Amino acid sequence: MRIQTWLLASKCTHQCIYASIFSSVKKSV
């Protein structure tokens, strides 16, 4: 259960990071 929660949190974190990078790239372009 703990591993599943960690995986879910990791997924969300990666999505947030990707979204922030995408938005910053959009701003610079």
PDB file of N, CA and C in Angstrom:
ATOM      1  N   MET A   1       0.842  -1.201   0.000  1.00  0.00           N
ATOM      2  CA  MET A   1       0.000   0.000   0.000  1.00  0.00           C
ATOM      3  C   MET A   1       0.879   1.255   0.000  1.00  0.00           C
ATOM      4  N   ARG A   2       1.886   1.252   0.829  1.00  0.00           N
ATOM      5  CA  ARG A   2       2.755   2.422   0.904  1.00  0.00           C
ATOM      6  C   ARG A   2       3.455   2.659  -0.442  1.00  0.00           C
ATOM      7  N   ILE A   3       3.873   1.556  -1.078  1.00  0.00           N
ATOM      8  CA  ILE A   3       4.559   1.669  -2.371  1.00  0.00           C
ATOM      9  C   ILE A   3       3.612   2.263  -3.411  1.00  0.00           C
ATOM     10  N   GLN A   4       2.354   1.805  -3.414  1.00  0.00           N
ATOM     11  CA  GLN A   4       1.374   2.330  -4.369  1.00  0.00           C
ATOM     12  C   GLN A   4       1.187   3.828  -4.163  1.00  0.00           C
ATOM     13  N   THR A   5       1.065   4.245  -2.909  1.00  0.00           N
ATOM     14  CA  THR A   5       0.889   5.670  -2.603  1.00  0.00           C
ATOM     15  C   THR A   5       2.092   6.460  -3.098  1.00  0.00           C
ATOM     16  N   TRP A   6       3.299   5.910  -2.881  1.00  0.00           N
ATOM     17  CA  TRP A   6       4.517   6.597  -3.315  1.00  0.00           C
ATOM     18  C   TRP A   6       4.532   6.726  -4.838  1.00  0.00           C
ATOM     19  N   LEU A   7       4.116   5.656  -5.531  1.00  0.00           N
ATOM     20  CA  LEU A   7       4.084   5.700  -6.992  1.00  0.00           C
ATOM     21  C   LEU A   7       3.110   6.767  -7.467  1.00  0.00           C
ATOM     22  N   LEU A   8       1.936   6.824  -6.840  1.00  0.00           N
ATOM     23  CA  LEU A   8       0.937   7.824  -7.217  1.00  0.00           C
ATOM     24  C   LEU A   8       1.485   9.229  -6.981  1.00  0.00           C
ATOM     25  N   ALA A   9       2.123   9.424  -5.840  1.00  0.00           N
ATOM     26  CA  ALA A   9       2.688  10.742  -5.524  1.00  0.00           C
ATOM     27  C   ALA A   9       3.785  11.085  -6.532  1.00  0.00           C
ATOM     28  N   SER A  10       4.602  10.112  -6.898  1.00  0.00           N
ATOM     29  CA  SER A  10       5.678  10.338  -7.858  1.00  0.00           C
ATOM     30  C   SER A  10       5.094  10.731  -9.209  1.00  0.00           C
ATOM     31  N   LYS A  11       4.024  10.031  -9.624  1.00  0.00           N
ATOM     32  CA  LYS A  11       3.365  10.339 -10.894  1.00  0.00           C
ATOM     33  C   LYS A  11       2.871  11.777 -10.905  1.00  0.00           C
ATOM     34  N   CYS A  12       2.192  12.168  -9.820  1.00  0.00           N
ATOM     35  CA  CYS A  12       1.638  13.523  -9.718  1.00  0.00           C
ATOM     36  C   CYS A  12       2.766  14.548  -9.760  1.00  0.00           C
ATOM     37  N   THR A  13       3.862  14.239  -9.049  1.00  0.00           N
ATOM     38  CA  THR A  13       4.989  15.168  -9.007  1.00  0.00           C
ATOM     39  C   THR A  13       5.563  15.346 -10.407  1.00  0.00           C
ATOM     40  N   HIS A  14       5.737  14.241 -11.134  1.00  0.00           N
ATOM     41  CA  HIS A  14       6.283  14.325 -12.485  1.00  0.00           C
ATOM     42  C   HIS A  14       5.364  15.141 -13.381  1.00  0.00           C
ATOM     43  N   GLN A  15       4.046  14.941 -13.246  1.00  0.00           N
ATOM     44  CA  GLN A  15       3.088  15.696 -14.052  1.00  0.00           C
ATOM     45  C   GLN A  15       3.192  17.184 -13.735  1.00  0.00           C
ATOM     46  N   CYS A  16       3.308  17.506 -12.442  1.00  0.00           N
ATOM     47  CA  CYS A  16       3.408  18.923 -12.029  1.00  0.00           C
ATOM     48  C   CYS A  16       4.686  19.538 -12.603  1.00  0.00           C
ATOM     49  N   ILE A  17       5.796  18.799 -12.520  1.00  0.00           N
ATOM     50  CA  ILE A  17       7.071  19.297 -13.041  1.00  0.00           C
ATOM     51  C   ILE A  17       6.961  19.504 -14.547  1.00  0.00           C
ATOM     52  N   TYR A  18       6.403  18.523 -15.254  1.00  0.00           N
ATOM     53  CA  TYR A  18       6.255  18.617 -16.704  1.00  0.00           C
ATOM     54  C   TYR A  18       5.376  19.807 -17.081  1.00  0.00           C
ATOM     55  N   ALA A  19       4.288  20.002 -16.318  1.00  0.00           N
ATOM     56  CA  ALA A  19       3.367  21.115 -16.585  1.00  0.00           C
ATOM     57  C   ALA A  19       4.082  22.451 -16.379  1.00  0.00           C
ATOM     58  N   SER A  20       4.854  22.572 -15.313  1.00  0.00           N
ATOM     59  CA  SER A  20       5.551  23.835 -15.031  1.00  0.00           C
ATOM     60  C   SER A  20       6.593  24.110 -16.117  1.00  0.00           C
ATOM     61  N   ILE A  21       7.310  23.071 -16.562  1.00  0.00           N
ATOM     62  CA  ILE A  21       8.309  23.230 -17.621  1.00  0.00           C
ATOM     63  C   ILE A  21       7.613  23.660 -18.914  1.00  0.00           C
ATOM     64  N   PHE A  22       6.496  23.015 -19.224  1.00  0.00           N
ATOM     65  CA  PHE A  22       5.757  23.325 -20.440  1.00  0.00           C
ATOM     66  C   PHE A  22       5.279  24.773 -20.435  1.00  0.00           C
ATOM     67  N   SER A  23       4.764  25.225 -19.290  1.00  0.00           N
ATOM     68  CA  SER A  23       4.255  26.603 -19.184  1.00  0.00           C
ATOM     69  C   SER A  23       5.406  27.598 -19.310  1.00  0.00           C
ATOM     70  N   SER A  24       6.555  27.294 -18.703  1.00  0.00           N
ATOM     71  CA  SER A  24       7.700  28.209 -18.778  1.00  0.00           C
ATOM     72  C   SER A  24       8.228  28.267 -20.211  1.00  0.00           C
ATOM     73  N   VAL A  25       8.218  27.129 -20.909  1.00  0.00           N
ATOM     74  CA  VAL A  25       8.671  27.095 -22.308  1.00  0.00           C
ATOM     75  C   VAL A  25       7.713  27.923 -23.162  1.00  0.00           C
ATOM     76  N   LYS A  26       6.420  27.796 -22.893  1.00  0.00           N
ATOM     77  CA  LYS A  26       5.411  28.558 -23.633  1.00  0.00           C
ATOM     78  C   LYS A  26       5.649  30.059 -23.450  1.00  0.00           C
ATOM     79  N   LYS A  27       5.987  30.458 -22.216  1.00  0.00           N
ATOM     80  CA  LYS A  27       6.213  31.884 -21.930  1.00  0.00           C
ATOM     81  C   LYS A  27       7.439  32.394 -22.685  1.00  0.00           C
ATOM     82  N   SER A  28       8.518  31.604 -22.697  1.00  0.00           N
ATOM     83  CA  SER A  28       9.756  32.042 -23.353  1.00  0.00           C
ATOM     84  C   SER A  28       9.574  32.104 -24.873  1.00  0.00           C
ATOM     85  N   VAL A  29       8.674  31.280 -25.431  1.00  0.00           N
ATOM     86  CA  VAL A  29       8.436  31.276 -26.887  1.00  0.00           C
ATOM     87  C   VAL A  29       7.362  32.276 -27.270  1.00  0.00           C
TER      88      VAL A  29
END
